[in-house]
Amino acid sequence: MWKQTIMVLLMVLTIGYPQWRWSNDTMEFTHDKQTHLAGSFGLYYMFKSKGFTEKESFLYTTVLGLTKEIIDATMPWEKYGVWGGDGFSKNDLIYNSLGIGLAYGIDKLWKREMIYETKHTKVYIKPFRLDIHFN
């Protein structure tokens, strides 16, 4: 619960920031939107492969995407270059959610397959992840 509280507090504190900008973008599948989709997809799988739960993987990936949008809103690219952005984009958050949903769906639907087994070890392969179980 404290993680959600920190996230809401961060948003409330930065919305009043004097340089807060809203992005005037669309849902068009541009390079930026592709990056948000692929980045969220990859982050979700990274967290899952490191042993985080589905809920934690979803939460941490969402918080990172939201943090990037807050940076985009408070740091104009005209002043900060590549570190900045063109404003807070709800459409980027939608593509982040699509990336997470796609990764979650593939993780659930794609059955793992055993590729190696000994008396004490079983090795399973799953998309983007290798699981090793020791008896």
Protein backbone atom coordinates (compact mmCIF):
# COMPACT_ATOMS: atom_id res chain seq x y z
CA MET A 1 0.00 0.00 0.00
CA TRP A 2 2.87 2.40 0.71
CA LYS A 3 4.07 2.11 -2.89
CA GLN A 4 0.73 3.34 -4.23
CA THR A 5 0.74 6.15 -1.66
CA ILE A 6 4.18 7.31 -2.79
CA MET A 7 3.08 7.21 -6.43
CA VAL A 8 -0.03 9.33 -5.74
CA LEU A 9 1.98 11.75 -3.60
CA LEU A 10 4.57 12.14 -6.37
CA MET A 11 1.83 12.92 -8.89
CA VAL A 12 0.13 15.46 -6.60
CA LEU A 13 3.42 17.22 -5.90
CA THR A 14 4.44 17.44 -9.55
CA ILE A 15 1.07 18.47 -11.06
CA GLY A 16 1.51 21.91 -9.52
CA TYR A 17 5.01 22.13 -10.98
CA PRO A 18 5.30 25.40 -12.98
CA GLN A 19 6.61 23.68 -16.11
CA TRP A 20 4.00 20.88 -16.17
CA ARG A 21 2.97 20.17 -19.77
CA TRP A 22 0.33 17.96 -21.31
CA SER A 23 1.23 16.22 -24.55
CA ASN A 24 -0.89 16.90 -27.61
CA ASP A 25 -0.39 13.50 -29.24
CA THR A 26 -2.65 10.85 -30.73
CA MET A 27 -2.95 7.06 -30.58
CA GLU A 28 -1.06 6.77 -33.89
CA PHE A 29 1.46 3.90 -33.71
CA THR A 30 4.58 6.09 -33.94
CA HIS A 31 8.12 5.20 -32.87
CA ASP A 32 7.42 6.63 -29.40
CA LYS A 33 4.33 4.44 -28.97
CA GLN A 34 6.21 1.37 -30.24
CA THR A 35 8.92 2.08 -27.65
CA HIS A 36 6.36 2.31 -24.84
CA LEU A 37 4.74 -0.96 -25.94
CA ALA A 38 8.02 -2.87 -26.28
CA GLY A 39 9.56 -1.31 -23.16
CA SER A 40 6.63 -2.25 -20.93
CA PHE A 41 6.51 -5.72 -22.47
CA GLY A 42 10.22 -6.21 -21.71
CA LEU A 43 10.08 -4.74 -18.22
CA TYR A 44 7.19 -7.01 -17.24
CA TYR A 45 9.12 -10.06 -18.43
CA MET A 46 12.29 -8.89 -16.72
CA PHE A 47 10.52 -8.59 -13.38
CA LYS A 48 8.77 -11.97 -13.86
CA SER A 49 12.07 -13.68 -14.75
CA LYS A 50 13.66 -12.27 -11.59
CA GLY A 51 11.05 -13.99 -9.41
CA PHE A 52 8.58 -11.16 -8.84
CA THR A 53 4.88 -12.03 -8.75
CA GLU A 54 2.51 -11.04 -11.53
CA LYS A 55 1.07 -8.29 -9.35
CA GLU A 56 4.52 -6.90 -8.47
CA SER A 57 5.65 -7.08 -12.09
CA PHE A 58 2.54 -5.20 -13.19
CA LEU A 59 2.91 -2.60 -10.43
CA TYR A 60 6.62 -1.90 -10.95
CA THR A 61 6.29 -1.69 -14.73
CA THR A 62 3.32 0.68 -14.39
CA VAL A 63 5.16 2.88 -11.89
CA LEU A 64 8.20 3.11 -14.18
CA GLY A 65 5.99 4.12 -17.13
CA LEU A 66 4.19 6.70 -15.01
CA THR A 67 7.51 8.06 -13.77
CA LYS A 68 8.70 8.50 -17.36
CA GLU A 69 5.53 10.45 -18.17
CA ILE A 70 6.05 12.69 -15.12
CA ILE A 71 9.60 13.38 -16.33
CA ASP A 72 8.22 14.18 -19.80
CA ALA A 73 5.70 16.58 -18.21
CA THR A 74 8.16 18.44 -15.99
CA MET A 75 11.33 18.47 -18.10
CA PRO A 76 10.77 20.05 -21.55
CA TRP A 77 12.91 18.55 -24.31
CA GLU A 78 13.75 22.06 -25.53
CA LYS A 79 15.67 22.66 -22.30
CA TYR A 80 16.83 19.16 -21.29
CA GLY A 81 17.29 17.44 -24.67
CA VAL A 82 16.88 13.66 -24.70
CA TRP A 83 16.26 13.59 -20.92
CA GLY A 84 13.13 15.68 -21.35
CA GLY A 85 9.86 15.12 -23.13
CA ASP A 86 6.97 16.78 -24.89
CA GLY A 87 4.49 16.50 -22.01
CA PHE A 88 2.44 13.98 -20.06
CA SER A 89 0.76 11.60 -22.50
CA LYS A 90 -2.20 9.43 -21.51
CA ASN A 91 -1.76 7.66 -24.87
CA ASP A 92 1.74 6.55 -23.86
CA LEU A 93 0.26 5.06 -20.69
CA ILE A 94 -2.28 3.18 -22.82
CA TYR A 95 0.55 1.67 -24.89
CA ASN A 96 2.39 0.81 -21.66
CA SER A 97 -0.72 -1.07 -20.51
CA LEU A 98 -0.99 -2.85 -23.86
CA GLY A 99 2.64 -3.99 -23.55
CA ILE A 100 2.06 -5.31 -20.03
CA GLY A 101 -1.17 -7.03 -21.11
CA LEU A 102 0.51 -8.64 -24.09
CA ALA A 103 3.37 -9.94 -21.94
CA TYR A 104 0.94 -11.23 -19.31
CA GLY A 105 -1.17 -12.95 -21.95
CA ILE A 106 1.79 -14.66 -23.59
CA ASP A 107 3.10 -15.73 -20.19
CA LYS A 108 -0.26 -17.31 -19.33
CA LEU A 109 -1.04 -18.92 -22.69
CA TRP A 110 2.35 -20.27 -23.72
CA LYS A 111 2.89 -23.54 -21.91
CA ARG A 112 6.35 -24.32 -20.65
CA GLU A 113 8.12 -27.25 -22.14
CA MET A 114 10.66 -29.52 -20.40
CA ILE A 115 13.91 -29.65 -22.37
CA TYR A 116 16.19 -31.51 -19.94
CA GLU A 117 15.74 -33.76 -16.91
CA THR A 118 18.08 -35.62 -14.59
CA LYS A 119 17.51 -37.31 -11.25
CA HIS A 120 17.89 -33.97 -9.40
CA THR A 121 17.23 -31.29 -12.01
CA LYS A 122 14.48 -30.30 -14.43
CA VAL A 123 14.96 -27.53 -16.99
CA TYR A 124 11.89 -25.91 -18.56
CA ILE A 125 11.81 -23.38 -21.36
CA LYS A 126 9.12 -20.78 -21.74
CA PRO A 127 9.06 -17.72 -23.99
CA PHE A 128 11.74 -15.29 -22.82
CA ARG A 129 12.41 -17.33 -19.69
CA LEU A 130 14.32 -20.41 -18.63
CA ASP A 131 13.25 -22.14 -15.39
CA ILE A 132 15.54 -24.58 -13.60
CA HIS A 133 14.15 -26.69 -10.76
CA PHE A 134 16.34 -28.71 -8.40
CA ASN A 135 14.93 -31.63 -6.43
